[in-house]
Amino acid sequence: MPTHNPNDKDKLESGHEPDEIDASKGFEQTDVRVSGVLVFLTALAIFVAVAGVLSYGIGKVINARMNREDGPRSKWAAPVDVRQLGNLPSSPELQHRMAELTQRFPTPRVQTDDGNQDVADLHAREDLLLDNYSWADRAQGKVRIPIERAMELLAERGLPQAPAVEKTPLLTGDFEPQVALPLTSGFARTGYELDQAAAQRVEAGRPEPHK
């Protein structure tokens, strides 16, 4: 902080030498000006008052425009006191009503997480169809068989042969279509499902499967 006295300038102009400044204490020894503090507090109070008046006026203008656009109040546009609904966590009746509304709400519903659990549930339902016997059409006696059994039957009997198709000569500029191999050899689990399976193996005390 500056250690000079504002009265030194007057002493220099009048021809008197300024007093020696004692800097041994290391801090300002003169008193603070009360007038400067009062000016700052007054300016701050004026600023707060002006800001409050402007905020109030802007709110009035916005509310008047919204009321003009919404039109007169009706049963479809009226304020509702939500305090009459009570506290949901402490009201079993409201919890039951909320559960009924949630169950009746049609699909697709808003996901409660990032979708990992929904994908895991979908794969679990697919696994039930792929790994177990189930009716495809009970009236006609058609049954779905596990995919492992289907692979064994295909290995024993082979795929049915389709009748040969006569090929017509290619025109100029045509070429035989090439079938690209799939990028994966089968169904791939998501990282979320792999983490869940690993956690279940740790809880059950089963060893990690070999890759």
C-alpha atoms as a PDB file:
ATOM      1  CA  MET A   1       0.000   0.000   0.000  1.00  0.00           C
ATOM      2  CA  PRO A   2       1.232   3.550  -0.635  1.00  0.00           C
ATOM      3  CA  THR A   3       2.794   5.182   2.378  1.00  0.00           C
ATOM      4  CA  HIS A   4       2.794   8.802   1.187  1.00  0.00           C
ATOM      5  CA  ASN A   5       0.629  11.416   2.869  1.00  0.00           C
ATOM      6  CA  PRO A   6      -1.785  13.262   0.534  1.00  0.00           C
ATOM      7  CA  ASN A   7      -0.879  16.468   2.349  1.00  0.00           C
ATOM      8  CA  ASP A   8       2.738  16.239   1.171  1.00  0.00           C
ATOM      9  CA  LYS A   9       1.822  17.844  -2.166  1.00  0.00           C
ATOM     10  CA  ASP A  10       0.505  20.922  -0.355  1.00  0.00           C
ATOM     11  CA  LYS A  11       3.690  21.157   1.707  1.00  0.00           C
ATOM     12  CA  LEU A  12       5.876  20.955  -1.396  1.00  0.00           C
ATOM     13  CA  GLU A  13       3.859  23.675  -3.151  1.00  0.00           C
ATOM     14  CA  SER A  14       4.087  25.933  -0.103  1.00  0.00           C
ATOM     15  CA  GLY A  15       7.866  25.528   0.103  1.00  0.00           C
ATOM     16  CA  HIS A  16       7.980  23.468   3.283  1.00  0.00           C
ATOM     17  CA  GLU A  17       9.807  20.184   3.396  1.00  0.00           C
ATOM     18  CA  PRO A  18       7.569  17.138   3.940  1.00  0.00           C
ATOM     19  CA  ASP A  19       7.853  15.295   7.203  1.00  0.00           C
ATOM     20  CA  GLU A  20       9.908  12.136   7.245  1.00  0.00           C
ATOM     21  CA  ILE A  21       7.735   9.033   6.851  1.00  0.00           C
ATOM     22  CA  ASP A  22       8.227   6.376   9.478  1.00  0.00           C
ATOM     23  CA  ALA A  23       8.151   3.068   7.586  1.00  0.00           C
ATOM     24  CA  SER A  24       9.440   0.960  10.443  1.00  0.00           C
ATOM     25  CA  LYS A  25       5.980  -0.376  11.349  1.00  0.00           C
ATOM     26  CA  GLY A  26       5.305  -1.676   7.805  1.00  0.00           C
ATOM     27  CA  PHE A  27       1.695  -0.504   7.525  1.00  0.00           C
ATOM     28  CA  GLU A  28      -0.312   2.608   6.794  1.00  0.00           C
ATOM     29  CA  GLN A  29      -0.544   4.853   9.841  1.00  0.00           C
ATOM     30  CA  THR A  30      -3.072   7.371   8.570  1.00  0.00           C
ATOM     31  CA  ASP A  31      -6.817   6.953   9.104  1.00  0.00           C
ATOM     32  CA  VAL A  32      -9.209   5.889   6.342  1.00  0.00           C
ATOM     33  CA  ARG A  33     -11.358   8.562   4.761  1.00  0.00           C
ATOM     34  CA  VAL A  34     -14.944   8.269   5.992  1.00  0.00           C
ATOM     35  CA  SER A  35     -16.226  10.264   3.041  1.00  0.00           C
ATOM     36  CA  GLY A  36     -14.999   7.658   0.552  1.00  0.00           C
ATOM     37  CA  VAL A  37     -16.770   4.848   2.436  1.00  0.00           C
ATOM     38  CA  LEU A  38     -19.994   6.850   2.543  1.00  0.00           C
ATOM     39  CA  VAL A  39     -19.816   7.569  -1.191  1.00  0.00           C
ATOM     40  CA  PHE A  40     -19.307   3.872  -1.961  1.00  0.00           C
ATOM     41  CA  LEU A  41     -22.199   2.751   0.266  1.00  0.00           C
ATOM     42  CA  THR A  42     -24.480   5.397  -1.224  1.00  0.00           C
ATOM     43  CA  ALA A  43     -23.620   4.365  -4.782  1.00  0.00           C
ATOM     44  CA  LEU A  44     -24.178   0.695  -3.869  1.00  0.00           C
ATOM     45  CA  ALA A  45     -27.593   1.438  -2.369  1.00  0.00           C
ATOM     46  CA  ILE A  46     -28.613   3.420  -5.465  1.00  0.00           C
ATOM     47  CA  PHE A  47     -27.465   0.584  -7.736  1.00  0.00           C
ATOM     48  CA  VAL A  48     -29.432  -2.037  -5.754  1.00  0.00           C
ATOM     49  CA  ALA A  49     -32.556   0.152  -5.781  1.00  0.00           C
ATOM     50  CA  VAL A  50     -32.336   0.781  -9.544  1.00  0.00           C
ATOM     51  CA  ALA A  51     -31.735  -2.935 -10.242  1.00  0.00           C
ATOM     52  CA  GLY A  52     -34.758  -3.883  -8.117  1.00  0.00           C
ATOM     53  CA  VAL A  53     -37.023  -1.388  -9.868  1.00  0.00           C
ATOM     54  CA  LEU A  54     -35.842  -2.591 -13.314  1.00  0.00           C
ATOM     55  CA  SER A  55     -36.374  -6.257 -12.370  1.00  0.00           C
ATOM     56  CA  TYR A  56     -39.866  -5.528 -11.092  1.00  0.00           C
ATOM     57  CA  GLY A  57     -40.755  -3.590 -14.241  1.00  0.00           C
ATOM     58  CA  ILE A  58     -39.395  -6.300 -16.559  1.00  0.00           C
ATOM     59  CA  GLY A  59     -41.384  -8.933 -14.659  1.00  0.00           C
ATOM     60  CA  LYS A  60     -44.556  -6.904 -15.036  1.00  0.00           C
ATOM     61  CA  VAL A  61     -43.984  -6.520 -18.781  1.00  0.00           C
ATOM     62  CA  ILE A  62     -43.339 -10.266 -19.246  1.00  0.00           C
ATOM     63  CA  ASN A  63     -46.401 -11.268 -17.195  1.00  0.00           C
ATOM     64  CA  ALA A  64     -48.613  -8.838 -19.091  1.00  0.00           C
ATOM     65  CA  ARG A  65     -47.432 -10.227 -22.434  1.00  0.00           C
ATOM     66  CA  MET A  66     -47.948 -13.852 -21.289  1.00  0.00           C
ATOM     67  CA  ASN A  67     -51.468 -13.058 -20.058  1.00  0.00           C
ATOM     68  CA  ARG A  68     -52.254 -11.353 -23.350  1.00  0.00           C
ATOM     69  CA  GLU A  69     -51.023 -14.358 -25.365  1.00  0.00           C
ATOM     70  CA  ASP A  70     -52.646 -17.018 -23.137  1.00  0.00           C
ATOM     71  CA  GLY A  71     -56.008 -15.310 -23.065  1.00  0.00           C
ATOM     72  CA  PRO A  72     -58.492 -15.291 -20.176  1.00  0.00           C
ATOM     73  CA  ARG A  73     -58.295 -17.961 -17.500  1.00  0.00           C
ATOM     74  CA  SER A  74     -60.333 -21.101 -17.934  1.00  0.00           C
ATOM     75  CA  LYS A  75     -60.465 -24.599 -16.486  1.00  0.00           C
ATOM     76  CA  TRP A  76     -57.670 -25.535 -18.892  1.00  0.00           C
ATOM     77  CA  ALA A  77     -55.442 -22.606 -17.917  1.00  0.00           C
ATOM     78  CA  ALA A  78     -55.675 -21.992 -14.188  1.00  0.00           C
ATOM     79  CA  PRO A  79     -53.125 -22.105 -11.381  1.00  0.00           C
ATOM     80  CA  VAL A  80     -53.073 -25.294  -9.329  1.00  0.00           C
ATOM     81  CA  ASP A  81     -52.000 -25.557  -5.705  1.00  0.00           C
ATOM     82  CA  VAL A  82     -49.669 -28.557  -5.783  1.00  0.00           C
ATOM     83  CA  ARG A  83     -49.493 -28.582  -1.984  1.00  0.00           C
ATOM     84  CA  GLN A  84     -52.906 -30.276  -1.933  1.00  0.00           C
ATOM     85  CA  LEU A  85     -51.388 -33.321  -3.638  1.00  0.00           C
ATOM     86  CA  GLY A  86     -49.368 -34.135  -0.554  1.00  0.00           C
ATOM     87  CA  ASN A  87     -45.914 -35.653  -0.297  1.00  0.00           C
ATOM     88  CA  LEU A  88     -45.432 -38.581  -2.685  1.00  0.00           C
ATOM     89  CA  PRO A  89     -42.678 -40.423  -0.753  1.00  0.00           C
ATOM     90  CA  SER A  90     -44.744 -40.488   2.457  1.00  0.00           C
ATOM     91  CA  SER A  91     -48.132 -41.254   0.863  1.00  0.00           C
ATOM     92  CA  PRO A  92     -48.762 -44.944   0.013  1.00  0.00           C
ATOM     93  CA  GLU A  93     -51.969 -44.012  -1.812  1.00  0.00           C
ATOM     94  CA  LEU A  94     -50.166 -41.623  -4.143  1.00  0.00           C
ATOM     95  CA  GLN A  95     -47.421 -44.181  -4.710  1.00  0.00           C
ATOM     96  CA  HIS A  96     -50.051 -46.770  -5.673  1.00  0.00           C
ATOM     97  CA  ARG A  97     -51.763 -44.340  -8.059  1.00  0.00           C
ATOM     98  CA  MET A  98     -48.395 -43.439  -9.598  1.00  0.00           C
ATOM     99  CA  ALA A  99     -47.604 -47.134 -10.085  1.00  0.00           C
ATOM    100  CA  GLU A 100     -50.967 -47.675 -11.814  1.00  0.00           C
ATOM    101  CA  LEU A 101     -50.389 -44.721 -14.138  1.00  0.00           C
ATOM    102  CA  THR A 102     -46.909 -45.973 -14.930  1.00  0.00           C
ATOM    103  CA  GLN A 103     -48.171 -49.478 -15.734  1.00  0.00           C
ATOM    104  CA  ARG A 104     -50.973 -48.184 -17.951  1.00  0.00           C
ATOM    105  CA  PHE A 105     -48.766 -45.740 -19.828  1.00  0.00           C
ATOM    106  CA  PRO A 106     -48.331 -46.994 -23.409  1.00  0.00           C
ATOM    107  CA  THR A 107     -45.020 -47.816 -24.973  1.00  0.00           C
ATOM    108  CA  PRO A 108     -42.514 -46.515 -25.814  1.00  0.00           C
ATOM    109  CA  ARG A 109     -41.851 -45.232 -22.311  1.00  0.00           C
ATOM    110  CA  VAL A 110     -39.113 -42.866 -21.232  1.00  0.00           C
ATOM    111  CA  GLN A 111     -36.028 -44.798 -20.183  1.00  0.00           C
ATOM    112  CA  THR A 112     -34.985 -44.473 -16.552  1.00  0.00           C
ATOM    113  CA  ASP A 113     -31.313 -45.049 -17.400  1.00  0.00           C
ATOM    114  CA  ASP A 114     -29.122 -44.866 -20.504  1.00  0.00           C
ATOM    115  CA  GLY A 115     -30.773 -47.958 -22.031  1.00  0.00           C
ATOM    116  CA  ASN A 116     -28.300 -50.617 -20.878  1.00  0.00           C
ATOM    117  CA  GLN A 117     -30.871 -52.434 -18.745  1.00  0.00           C
ATOM    118  CA  ASP A 118     -33.428 -52.393 -21.571  1.00  0.00           C
ATOM    119  CA  VAL A 119     -30.914 -54.000 -23.939  1.00  0.00           C
ATOM    120  CA  ALA A 120     -30.001 -56.587 -21.296  1.00  0.00           C
ATOM    121  CA  ASP A 121     -33.691 -57.453 -20.792  1.00  0.00           C
ATOM    122  CA  LEU A 122     -34.154 -57.780 -24.569  1.00  0.00           C
ATOM    123  CA  HIS A 123     -31.213 -60.164 -24.818  1.00  0.00           C
ATOM    124  CA  ALA A 124     -32.548 -62.178 -21.869  1.00  0.00           C
ATOM    125  CA  ARG A 125     -35.900 -62.633 -23.665  1.00  0.00           C
ATOM    126  CA  GLU A 126     -34.051 -63.629 -26.827  1.00  0.00           C
ATOM    127  CA  ASP A 127     -32.009 -66.172 -24.867  1.00  0.00           C
ATOM    128  CA  LEU A 128     -35.218 -67.784 -23.609  1.00  0.00           C
ATOM    129  CA  LEU A 129     -36.322 -68.357 -27.205  1.00  0.00           C
ATOM    130  CA  LEU A 130     -32.886 -69.459 -28.414  1.00  0.00           C
ATOM    131  CA  ASP A 131     -32.091 -71.895 -25.595  1.00  0.00           C
ATOM    132  CA  ASN A 132     -35.481 -73.491 -24.836  1.00  0.00           C
ATOM    133  CA  TYR A 133     -38.383 -75.283 -26.517  1.00  0.00           C
ATOM    134  CA  SER A 134     -41.485 -73.181 -27.109  1.00  0.00           C
ATOM    135  CA  TRP A 135     -44.608 -73.240 -29.228  1.00  0.00           C
ATOM    136  CA  ALA A 136     -44.414 -71.383 -32.541  1.00  0.00           C
ATOM    137  CA  ASP A 137     -47.955 -72.414 -33.592  1.00  0.00           C
ATOM    138  CA  ARG A 138     -49.776 -74.792 -31.245  1.00  0.00           C
ATOM    139  CA  ALA A 139     -52.662 -75.322 -33.700  1.00  0.00           C
ATOM    140  CA  GLN A 140     -50.322 -76.583 -36.434  1.00  0.00           C
ATOM    141  CA  GLY A 141     -47.988 -78.365 -34.029  1.00  0.00           C
ATOM    142  CA  LYS A 142     -44.979 -76.157 -34.821  1.00  0.00           C
ATOM    143  CA  VAL A 143     -42.380 -75.980 -32.084  1.00  0.00           C
ATOM    144  CA  ARG A 144     -39.281 -73.829 -31.702  1.00  0.00           C
ATOM    145  CA  ILE A 145     -36.203 -75.865 -30.813  1.00  0.00           C
ATOM    146  CA  PRO A 146     -33.027 -74.627 -29.071  1.00  0.00           C
ATOM    147  CA  ILE A 147     -30.415 -73.225 -31.396  1.00  0.00           C
ATOM    148  CA  GLU A 148     -27.813 -75.770 -30.298  1.00  0.00           C
ATOM    149  CA  ARG A 149     -30.162 -78.626 -31.297  1.00  0.00           C
ATOM    150  CA  ALA A 150     -30.898 -76.897 -34.591  1.00  0.00           C
ATOM    151  CA  MET A 151     -27.171 -76.662 -35.344  1.00  0.00           C
ATOM    152  CA  GLU A 152     -26.754 -80.384 -34.602  1.00  0.00           C
ATOM    153  CA  LEU A 153     -29.606 -81.250 -36.971  1.00  0.00           C
ATOM    154  CA  LEU A 154     -28.153 -79.057 -39.707  1.00  0.00           C
ATOM    155  CA  ALA A 155     -24.761 -80.712 -39.253  1.00  0.00           C
ATOM    156  CA  GLU A 156     -26.366 -84.174 -39.598  1.00  0.00           C
ATOM    157  CA  ARG A 157     -28.850 -83.510 -42.416  1.00  0.00           C
ATOM    158  CA  GLY A 158     -27.309 -80.543 -44.200  1.00  0.00           C
ATOM    159  CA  LEU A 159     -29.091 -77.528 -45.625  1.00  0.00           C
ATOM    160  CA  PRO A 160     -31.902 -78.049 -48.110  1.00  0.00           C
ATOM    161  CA  GLN A 161     -30.771 -77.649 -51.688  1.00  0.00           C
ATOM    162  CA  ALA A 162     -32.529 -75.014 -53.696  1.00  0.00           C
ATOM    163  CA  PRO A 163     -33.210 -75.772 -57.354  1.00  0.00           C
ATOM    164  CA  ALA A 164     -30.609 -74.465 -59.734  1.00  0.00           C
ATOM    165  CA  VAL A 165     -31.421 -71.161 -61.341  1.00  0.00           C
ATOM    166  CA  GLU A 166     -30.623 -70.642 -64.969  1.00  0.00           C
ATOM    167  CA  LYS A 167     -28.268 -67.754 -65.453  1.00  0.00           C
ATOM    168  CA  THR A 168     -28.734 -65.330 -68.254  1.00  0.00           C
ATOM    169  CA  PRO A 169     -25.672 -63.893 -69.977  1.00  0.00           C
ATOM    170  CA  LEU A 170     -24.452 -60.641 -68.470  1.00  0.00           C
ATOM    171  CA  LEU A 171     -24.874 -57.457 -70.414  1.00  0.00           C
ATOM    172  CA  THR A 172     -22.015 -55.132 -71.206  1.00  0.00           C
ATOM    173  CA  GLY A 173     -20.834 -53.449 -68.028  1.00  0.00           C
ATOM    174  CA  ASP A 174     -22.611 -55.874 -65.667  1.00  0.00           C
ATOM    175  CA  PHE A 175     -20.763 -58.034 -63.144  1.00  0.00           C
ATOM    176  CA  GLU A 176     -21.515 -60.880 -60.775  1.00  0.00           C
ATOM    177  CA  PRO A 177     -22.622 -59.684 -57.309  1.00  0.00           C
ATOM    178  CA  GLN A 178     -20.174 -60.536 -54.564  1.00  0.00           C
ATOM    179  CA  VAL A 179     -21.489 -61.446 -51.104  1.00  0.00           C
ATOM    180  CA  ALA A 180     -19.294 -59.946 -48.366  1.00  0.00           C
ATOM    181  CA  LEU A 181     -18.597 -61.969 -45.260  1.00  0.00           C
ATOM    182  CA  PRO A 182     -20.192 -60.692 -42.021  1.00  0.00           C
ATOM    183  CA  LEU A 183     -18.002 -58.614 -39.733  1.00  0.00           C
ATOM    184  CA  THR A 184     -18.806 -60.831 -36.749  1.00  0.00           C
ATOM    185  CA  SER A 185     -19.318 -64.548 -36.441  1.00  0.00           C
ATOM    186  CA  GLY A 186     -22.309 -64.287 -34.110  1.00  0.00           C
ATOM    187  CA  PHE A 187     -24.141 -62.309 -31.448  1.00  0.00           C
ATOM    188  CA  ALA A 188     -22.068 -59.807 -29.432  1.00  0.00           C
ATOM    189  CA  ARG A 189     -22.936 -58.843 -25.861  1.00  0.00           C
ATOM    190  CA  THR A 190     -22.741 -55.239 -24.709  1.00  0.00           C
ATOM    191  CA  GLY A 191     -20.158 -54.076 -22.204  1.00  0.00           C
ATOM    192  CA  TYR A 192     -22.905 -53.558 -19.619  1.00  0.00           C
ATOM    193  CA  GLU A 193     -23.994 -57.210 -19.948  1.00  0.00           C
ATOM    194  CA  LEU A 194     -20.396 -58.463 -19.765  1.00  0.00           C
ATOM    195  CA  ASP A 195     -19.861 -56.481 -16.541  1.00  0.00           C
ATOM    196  CA  GLN A 196     -23.090 -57.884 -15.064  1.00  0.00           C
ATOM    197  CA  ALA A 197     -22.082 -61.445 -15.979  1.00  0.00           C
ATOM    198  CA  ALA A 198     -18.637 -60.956 -14.443  1.00  0.00           C
ATOM    199  CA  ALA A 199     -20.176 -59.609 -11.222  1.00  0.00           C
ATOM    200  CA  GLN A 200     -22.554 -62.599 -11.024  1.00  0.00           C
ATOM    201  CA  ARG A 201     -19.643 -65.012 -11.516  1.00  0.00           C
ATOM    202  CA  VAL A 202     -17.706 -63.309  -8.724  1.00  0.00           C
ATOM    203  CA  GLU A 203     -20.710 -63.545  -6.370  1.00  0.00           C
ATOM    204  CA  ALA A 204     -21.242 -67.217  -7.243  1.00  0.00           C
ATOM    205  CA  GLY A 205     -17.533 -68.016  -6.923  1.00  0.00           C
ATOM    206  CA  ARG A 206     -17.270 -69.344 -10.484  1.00  0.00           C
ATOM    207  CA  PRO A 207     -13.985 -69.007 -12.386  1.00  0.00           C
ATOM    208  CA  GLU A 208     -13.566 -66.662 -15.319  1.00  0.00           C
ATOM    209  CA  PRO A 209     -14.370 -68.407 -18.647  1.00  0.00           C
ATOM    210  CA  HIS A 210     -11.523 -68.959 -21.086  1.00  0.00           C
ATOM    211  CA  LYS A 211     -11.567 -66.774 -24.166  1.00  0.00           C
END
